[in-house]
Amino acid sequence: PTKDLHHADPEGIELWAPVFGERDIDA
């Protein structure tokens, strides 16, 4: 990075982010 980092809006990102749950993971 050559410029200052910008904080993202967590709520906005989570509208598009994948969702993981414990039941999604197989041993």
PDB file of all heavy atoms in Angstrom:
ATOM      1  N   PRO A   1       0.829  -1.214   0.000  1.00  0.00           N
ATOM      2  CA  PRO A   1       0.000   0.000   0.000  1.00  0.00           C
ATOM      3  C   PRO A   1       0.860   1.260   0.000  1.00  0.00           C
ATOM      4  O   PRO A   1       1.891   1.338   0.665  1.00  0.00           O
ATOM      5  CB  PRO A   1      -0.795  -0.114   1.305  1.00  0.00           C
ATOM      6  CG  PRO A   1      -0.754  -1.563   1.660  1.00  0.00           C
ATOM      7  CD  PRO A   1       0.557  -2.077   1.160  1.00  0.00           C
ATOM      8  N   THR A   2       0.442   2.240  -0.766  1.00  0.00           N
ATOM      9  CA  THR A   2       1.142   3.530  -0.813  1.00  0.00           C
ATOM     10  C   THR A   2       0.286   4.653  -0.252  1.00  0.00           C
ATOM     11  O   THR A   2       0.752   5.780  -0.144  1.00  0.00           O
ATOM     12  CB  THR A   2       1.543   3.874  -2.259  1.00  0.00           C
ATOM     13  OG1 THR A   2       0.370   3.898  -3.082  1.00  0.00           O
ATOM     14  CG2 THR A   2       2.532   2.837  -2.809  1.00  0.00           C
ATOM     15  N   LYS A   3      -0.963   4.365   0.083  1.00  0.00           N
ATOM     16  CA  LYS A   3      -1.866   5.366   0.647  1.00  0.00           C
ATOM     17  C   LYS A   3      -2.418   4.854   1.979  1.00  0.00           C
ATOM     18  O   LYS A   3      -2.339   3.666   2.284  1.00  0.00           O
ATOM     19  CB  LYS A   3      -3.011   5.667  -0.328  1.00  0.00           C
ATOM     20  CG  LYS A   3      -2.557   6.266  -1.655  1.00  0.00           C
ATOM     21  CD  LYS A   3      -3.743   6.536  -2.554  1.00  0.00           C
ATOM     22  CE  LYS A   3      -3.316   7.266  -3.826  1.00  0.00           C
ATOM     23  NZ  LYS A   3      -2.352   6.478  -4.617  1.00  0.00           N
ATOM     24  N   ASP A   4      -2.964   5.775   2.745  1.00  0.00           N
ATOM     25  CA  ASP A   4      -3.534   5.406   4.033  1.00  0.00           C
ATOM     26  C   ASP A   4      -4.668   4.407   3.843  1.00  0.00           C
ATOM     27  O   ASP A   4      -5.457   4.512   2.889  1.00  0.00           O
ATOM     28  CB  ASP A   4      -4.067   6.639   4.760  1.00  0.00           C
ATOM     29  CG  ASP A   4      -2.943   7.579   5.191  1.00  0.00           C
ATOM     30  OD1 ASP A   4      -1.804   7.096   5.328  1.00  0.00           O
ATOM     31  OD2 ASP A   4      -3.219   8.778   5.378  1.00  0.00           O
ATOM     32  N   LEU A   5      -4.744   3.437   4.758  1.00  0.00           N
ATOM     33  CA  LEU A   5      -5.820   2.462   4.698  1.00  0.00           C
ATOM     34  C   LEU A   5      -7.136   3.103   5.130  1.00  0.00           C
ATOM     35  O   LEU A   5      -7.159   4.011   5.960  1.00  0.00           O
ATOM     36  CB  LEU A   5      -5.494   1.276   5.608  1.00  0.00           C
ATOM     37  CG  LEU A   5      -4.202   0.516   5.281  1.00  0.00           C
ATOM     38  CD1 LEU A   5      -4.007  -0.619   6.278  1.00  0.00           C
ATOM     39  CD2 LEU A   5      -4.241  -0.027   3.861  1.00  0.00           C
ATOM     40  N   HIS A   6      -8.227   2.616   4.560  1.00  0.00           N
ATOM     41  CA  HIS A   6      -9.553   3.137   4.895  1.00  0.00           C
ATOM     42  C   HIS A   6     -10.354   2.036   5.576  1.00  0.00           C
ATOM     43  O   HIS A   6     -10.347   0.885   5.139  1.00  0.00           O
ATOM     44  CB  HIS A   6     -10.291   3.605   3.636  1.00  0.00           C
ATOM     45  CG  HIS A   6      -9.675   4.808   2.996  1.00  0.00           C
ATOM     46  ND1 HIS A   6      -9.950   6.092   3.393  1.00  0.00           N
ATOM     47  CD2 HIS A   6      -8.765   4.919   1.989  1.00  0.00           C
ATOM     48  CE1 HIS A   6      -9.250   6.946   2.661  1.00  0.00           C
ATOM     49  NE2 HIS A   6      -8.522   6.253   1.797  1.00  0.00           N
ATOM     50  N   HIS A   7     -11.043   2.386   6.648  1.00  0.00           N
ATOM     51  CA  HIS A   7     -11.888   1.419   7.338  1.00  0.00           C
ATOM     52  C   HIS A   7     -13.143   1.154   6.514  1.00  0.00           C
ATOM     53  O   HIS A   7     -13.802   2.088   6.043  1.00  0.00           O
ATOM     54  CB  HIS A   7     -12.279   1.936   8.724  1.00  0.00           C
ATOM     55  CG  HIS A   7     -11.140   1.955   9.686  1.00  0.00           C
ATOM     56  ND1 HIS A   7     -10.624   0.810  10.256  1.00  0.00           N
ATOM     57  CD2 HIS A   7     -10.398   2.981  10.160  1.00  0.00           C
ATOM     58  CE1 HIS A   7      -9.618   1.130  11.052  1.00  0.00           C
ATOM     59  NE2 HIS A   7      -9.459   2.434  11.009  1.00  0.00           N
ATOM     60  N   ALA A   8     -13.451  -0.112   6.339  1.00  0.00           N
ATOM     61  CA  ALA A   8     -14.655  -0.491   5.609  1.00  0.00           C
ATOM     62  C   ALA A   8     -15.835  -0.563   6.572  1.00  0.00           C
ATOM     63  O   ALA A   8     -15.669  -0.774   7.774  1.00  0.00           O
ATOM     64  CB  ALA A   8     -14.452  -1.843   4.925  1.00  0.00           C
ATOM     65  N   ASP A   9     -17.015  -0.395   6.024  1.00  0.00           N
ATOM     66  CA  ASP A   9     -18.232  -0.529   6.811  1.00  0.00           C
ATOM     67  C   ASP A   9     -18.544  -2.015   6.959  1.00  0.00           C
ATOM     68  O   ASP A   9     -18.902  -2.670   5.973  1.00  0.00           O
ATOM     69  CB  ASP A   9     -19.386   0.187   6.108  1.00  0.00           C
ATOM     70  CG  ASP A   9     -20.719  -0.019   6.829  1.00  0.00           C
ATOM     71  OD1 ASP A   9     -20.702  -0.484   7.989  1.00  0.00           O
ATOM     72  OD2 ASP A   9     -21.766   0.276   6.228  1.00  0.00           O
ATOM     73  N   PRO A  10     -18.387  -2.602   8.153  1.00  0.00           N
ATOM     74  CA  PRO A  10     -18.605  -4.044   8.299  1.00  0.00           C
ATOM     75  C   PRO A  10     -19.991  -4.490   7.856  1.00  0.00           C
ATOM     76  O   PRO A  10     -20.148  -5.532   7.225  1.00  0.00           O
ATOM     77  CB  PRO A  10     -18.392  -4.290   9.802  1.00  0.00           C
ATOM     78  CG  PRO A  10     -17.579  -3.134  10.264  1.00  0.00           C
ATOM     79  CD  PRO A  10     -17.998  -1.974   9.415  1.00  0.00           C
ATOM     80  N   GLU A  11     -21.025  -3.682   8.156  1.00  0.00           N
ATOM     81  CA  GLU A  11     -22.372  -4.086   7.788  1.00  0.00           C
ATOM     82  C   GLU A  11     -22.543  -4.109   6.275  1.00  0.00           C
ATOM     83  O   GLU A  11     -23.192  -4.997   5.709  1.00  0.00           O
ATOM     84  CB  GLU A  11     -23.393  -3.153   8.435  1.00  0.00           C
ATOM     85  CG  GLU A  11     -23.439  -3.275   9.959  1.00  0.00           C
ATOM     86  CD  GLU A  11     -24.514  -2.393  10.553  1.00  0.00           C
ATOM     87  OE1 GLU A  11     -25.217  -1.708   9.779  1.00  0.00           O
ATOM     88  OE2 GLU A  11     -24.657  -2.393  11.786  1.00  0.00           O
ATOM     89  N   GLY A  12     -21.943  -3.131   5.599  1.00  0.00           N
ATOM     90  CA  GLY A  12     -22.044  -3.106   4.143  1.00  0.00           C
ATOM     91  C   GLY A  12     -21.328  -4.266   3.492  1.00  0.00           C
ATOM     92  O   GLY A  12     -21.828  -4.886   2.544  1.00  0.00           O
ATOM     93  N   ILE A  13     -20.144  -4.610   4.008  1.00  0.00           N
ATOM     94  CA  ILE A  13     -19.382  -5.720   3.444  1.00  0.00           C
ATOM     95  C   ILE A  13     -20.113  -7.036   3.649  1.00  0.00           C
ATOM     96  O   ILE A  13     -20.148  -7.898   2.775  1.00  0.00           O
ATOM     97  CB  ILE A  13     -17.976  -5.770   4.075  1.00  0.00           C
ATOM     98  CG1 ILE A  13     -17.134  -4.625   3.521  1.00  0.00           C
ATOM     99  CG2 ILE A  13     -17.299  -7.103   3.800  1.00  0.00           C
ATOM    100  CD1 ILE A  13     -15.735  -4.584   4.063  1.00  0.00           C
ATOM    101  N   GLU A  14     -20.721  -7.183   4.818  1.00  0.00           N
ATOM    102  CA  GLU A  14     -21.359  -8.461   5.122  1.00  0.00           C
ATOM    103  C   GLU A  14     -22.606  -8.729   4.282  1.00  0.00           C
ATOM    104  O   GLU A  14     -23.100  -9.853   4.228  1.00  0.00           O
ATOM    105  CB  GLU A  14     -21.689  -8.530   6.619  1.00  0.00           C
ATOM    106  CG  GLU A  14     -20.434  -8.712   7.460  1.00  0.00           C
ATOM    107  CD  GLU A  14     -20.705  -8.569   8.943  1.00  0.00           C
ATOM    108  OE1 GLU A  14     -21.882  -8.417   9.304  1.00  0.00           O
ATOM    109  OE2 GLU A  14     -19.743  -8.590   9.717  1.00  0.00           O
ATOM    110  N   LEU A  15     -23.109  -7.700   3.596  1.00  0.00           N
ATOM    111  CA  LEU A  15     -24.219  -7.938   2.679  1.00  0.00           C
ATOM    112  C   LEU A  15     -23.778  -8.793   1.492  1.00  0.00           C
ATOM    113  O   LEU A  15     -24.588  -9.477   0.864  1.00  0.00           O
ATOM    114  CB  LEU A  15     -24.773  -6.596   2.172  1.00  0.00           C
ATOM    115  CG  LEU A  15     -25.466  -5.714   3.218  1.00  0.00           C
ATOM    116  CD1 LEU A  15     -25.833  -4.373   2.599  1.00  0.00           C
ATOM    117  CD2 LEU A  15     -26.705  -6.408   3.773  1.00  0.00           C
ATOM    118  N   TRP A  16     -22.476  -8.766   1.193  1.00  0.00           N
ATOM    119  CA  TRP A  16     -21.954  -9.474   0.023  1.00  0.00           C
ATOM    120  C   TRP A  16     -20.992 -10.587   0.393  1.00  0.00           C
ATOM    121  O   TRP A  16     -20.544 -11.327  -0.465  1.00  0.00           O
ATOM    122  CB  TRP A  16     -21.229  -8.472  -0.901  1.00  0.00           C
ATOM    123  CG  TRP A  16     -22.057  -7.280  -1.221  1.00  0.00           C
ATOM    124  CD1 TRP A  16     -22.008  -6.045  -0.627  1.00  0.00           C
ATOM    125  CD2 TRP A  16     -23.111  -7.202  -2.179  1.00  0.00           C
ATOM    126  NE1 TRP A  16     -22.934  -5.199  -1.166  1.00  0.00           N
ATOM    127  CE2 TRP A  16     -23.633  -5.892  -2.128  1.00  0.00           C
ATOM    128  CE3 TRP A  16     -23.654  -8.113  -3.086  1.00  0.00           C
ATOM    129  CZ2 TRP A  16     -24.672  -5.475  -2.948  1.00  0.00           C
ATOM    130  CZ3 TRP A  16     -24.689  -7.680  -3.899  1.00  0.00           C
ATOM    131  CH2 TRP A  16     -25.199  -6.383  -3.832  1.00  0.00           C
ATOM    132  N   ALA A  17     -20.676 -10.709   1.659  1.00  0.00           N
ATOM    133  CA  ALA A  17     -19.658 -11.683   2.085  1.00  0.00           C
ATOM    134  C   ALA A  17     -20.273 -13.064   2.256  1.00  0.00           C
ATOM    135  O   ALA A  17     -21.455 -13.196   2.539  1.00  0.00           O
ATOM    136  CB  ALA A  17     -19.037 -11.230   3.414  1.00  0.00           C
ATOM    137  N   PRO A  18     -19.447 -14.128   2.074  1.00  0.00           N
ATOM    138  CA  PRO A  18     -19.957 -15.472   2.349  1.00  0.00           C
ATOM    139  C   PRO A  18     -20.232 -15.655   3.835  1.00  0.00           C
ATOM    140  O   PRO A  18     -19.652 -14.977   4.684  1.00  0.00           O
ATOM    141  CB  PRO A  18     -18.799 -16.378   1.897  1.00  0.00           C
ATOM    142  CG  PRO A  18     -17.594 -15.512   1.943  1.00  0.00           C
ATOM    143  CD  PRO A  18     -18.062 -14.132   1.618  1.00  0.00           C
ATOM    144  N   VAL A  19     -21.137 -16.549   4.142  1.00  0.00           N
ATOM    145  CA  VAL A  19     -21.522 -16.808   5.532  1.00  0.00           C
ATOM    146  C   VAL A  19     -21.133 -18.237   5.877  1.00  0.00           C
ATOM    147  O   VAL A  19     -21.462 -19.169   5.140  1.00  0.00           O
ATOM    148  CB  VAL A  19     -23.037 -16.607   5.733  1.00  0.00           C
ATOM    149  CG1 VAL A  19     -23.422 -16.949   7.168  1.00  0.00           C
ATOM    150  CG2 VAL A  19     -23.431 -15.171   5.409  1.00  0.00           C
ATOM    151  N   PHE A  20     -20.410 -18.411   6.963  1.00  0.00           N
ATOM    152  CA  PHE A  20     -19.975 -19.733   7.390  1.00  0.00           C
ATOM    153  C   PHE A  20     -20.676 -20.099   8.692  1.00  0.00           C
ATOM    154  O   PHE A  20     -20.795 -19.286   9.596  1.00  0.00           O
ATOM    155  CB  PHE A  20     -18.460 -19.774   7.610  1.00  0.00           C
ATOM    156  CG  PHE A  20     -17.662 -19.428   6.390  1.00  0.00           C
ATOM    157  CD1 PHE A  20     -17.092 -18.184   6.242  1.00  0.00           C
ATOM    158  CD2 PHE A  20     -17.499 -20.361   5.376  1.00  0.00           C
ATOM    159  CE1 PHE A  20     -16.361 -17.858   5.111  1.00  0.00           C
ATOM    160  CE2 PHE A  20     -16.774 -20.051   4.245  1.00  0.00           C
ATOM    161  CZ  PHE A  20     -16.201 -18.802   4.117  1.00  0.00           C
ATOM    162  N   GLY A  21     -21.122 -21.317   8.772  1.00  0.00           N
ATOM    163  CA  GLY A  21     -21.705 -21.829  10.003  1.00  0.00           C
ATOM    164  C   GLY A  21     -21.031 -23.120  10.384  1.00  0.00           C
ATOM    165  O   GLY A  21     -20.412 -23.785   9.551  1.00  0.00           O
ATOM    166  N   GLU A  22     -21.126 -23.489  11.651  1.00  0.00           N
ATOM    167  CA  GLU A  22     -20.460 -24.697  12.116  1.00  0.00           C
ATOM    168  C   GLU A  22     -20.962 -25.936  11.386  1.00  0.00           C
ATOM    169  O   GLU A  22     -20.213 -26.896  11.179  1.00  0.00           O
ATOM    170  CB  GLU A  22     -20.657 -24.845  13.628  1.00  0.00           C
ATOM    171  CG  GLU A  22     -19.939 -23.763  14.426  1.00  0.00           C
ATOM    172  CD  GLU A  22     -20.006 -24.009  15.913  1.00  0.00           C
ATOM    173  OE1 GLU A  22     -20.398 -25.128  16.306  1.00  0.00           O
ATOM    174  OE2 GLU A  22     -19.642 -23.103  16.679  1.00  0.00           O
ATOM    175  N   ARG A  23     -22.230 -25.935  10.986  1.00  0.00           N
ATOM    176  CA  ARG A  23     -22.770 -27.104  10.295  1.00  0.00           C
ATOM    177  C   ARG A  23     -22.278 -27.209   8.853  1.00  0.00           C
ATOM    178  O   ARG A  23     -22.459 -28.235   8.199  1.00  0.00           O
ATOM    179  CB  ARG A  23     -24.303 -27.063  10.333  1.00  0.00           C
ATOM    180  CG  ARG A  23     -24.878 -27.311  11.723  1.00  0.00           C
ATOM    181  CD  ARG A  23     -26.383 -27.225  11.716  1.00  0.00           C
ATOM    182  NE  ARG A  23     -26.845 -25.884  11.358  1.00  0.00           N
ATOM    183  CZ  ARG A  23     -28.114 -25.527  11.267  1.00  0.00           C
ATOM    184  NH1 ARG A  23     -29.074 -26.423  11.479  1.00  0.00           N
ATOM    185  NH2 ARG A  23     -28.452 -24.290  10.952  1.00  0.00           N
ATOM    186  N   ASP A  24     -21.648 -26.128   8.334  1.00  0.00           N
ATOM    187  CA  ASP A  24     -21.129 -26.159   6.967  1.00  0.00           C
ATOM    188  C   ASP A  24     -19.797 -26.894   6.865  1.00  0.00           C
ATOM    189  O   ASP A  24     -19.330 -27.197   5.770  1.00  0.00           O
ATOM    190  CB  ASP A  24     -20.942 -24.733   6.437  1.00  0.00           C
ATOM    191  CG  ASP A  24     -22.247 -23.966   6.395  1.00  0.00           C
ATOM    192  OD1 ASP A  24     -23.287 -24.603   6.131  1.00  0.00           O
ATOM    193  OD2 ASP A  24     -22.233 -22.748   6.635  1.00  0.00           O
ATOM    194  N   ILE A  25     -19.152 -27.149   7.993  1.00  0.00           N
ATOM    195  CA  ILE A  25     -17.819 -27.735   8.005  1.00  0.00           C
ATOM    196  C   ILE A  25     -17.913 -29.199   8.398  1.00  0.00           C
ATOM    197  O   ILE A  25     -18.416 -29.532   9.473  1.00  0.00           O
ATOM    198  CB  ILE A  25     -16.883 -27.003   9.000  1.00  0.00           C
ATOM    199  CG1 ILE A  25     -16.969 -25.483   8.805  1.00  0.00           C
ATOM    200  CG2 ILE A  25     -15.453 -27.496   8.842  1.00  0.00           C
ATOM    201  CD1 ILE A  25     -16.565 -25.009   7.440  1.00  0.00           C
ATOM    202  N   ASP A  26     -17.415 -30.073   7.519  1.00  0.00           N
ATOM    203  CA  ASP A  26     -17.385 -31.504   7.814  1.00  0.00           C
ATOM    204  C   ASP A  26     -16.021 -31.864   8.401  1.00  0.00           C
ATOM    205  O   ASP A  26     -14.991 -31.375   7.932  1.00  0.00           O
ATOM    206  CB  ASP A  26     -17.641 -32.313   6.539  1.00  0.00           C
ATOM    207  CG  ASP A  26     -17.908 -33.785   6.833  1.00  0.00           C
ATOM    208  OD1 ASP A  26     -17.004 -34.455   7.367  1.00  0.00           O
ATOM    209  OD2 ASP A  26     -19.007 -34.258   6.523  1.00  0.00           O
ATOM    210  N   ALA A  27     -16.008 -32.721   9.402  1.00  0.00           N
ATOM    211  CA  ALA A  27     -14.749 -33.117  10.049  1.00  0.00           C
ATOM    212  C   ALA A  27     -13.766 -33.731   9.052  1.00  0.00           C
ATOM    213  O   ALA A  27     -12.542 -33.621   9.223  1.00  0.00           O
ATOM    214  CB  ALA A  27     -15.035 -34.094  11.187  1.00  0.00           C
TER     215      ALA A  27
END
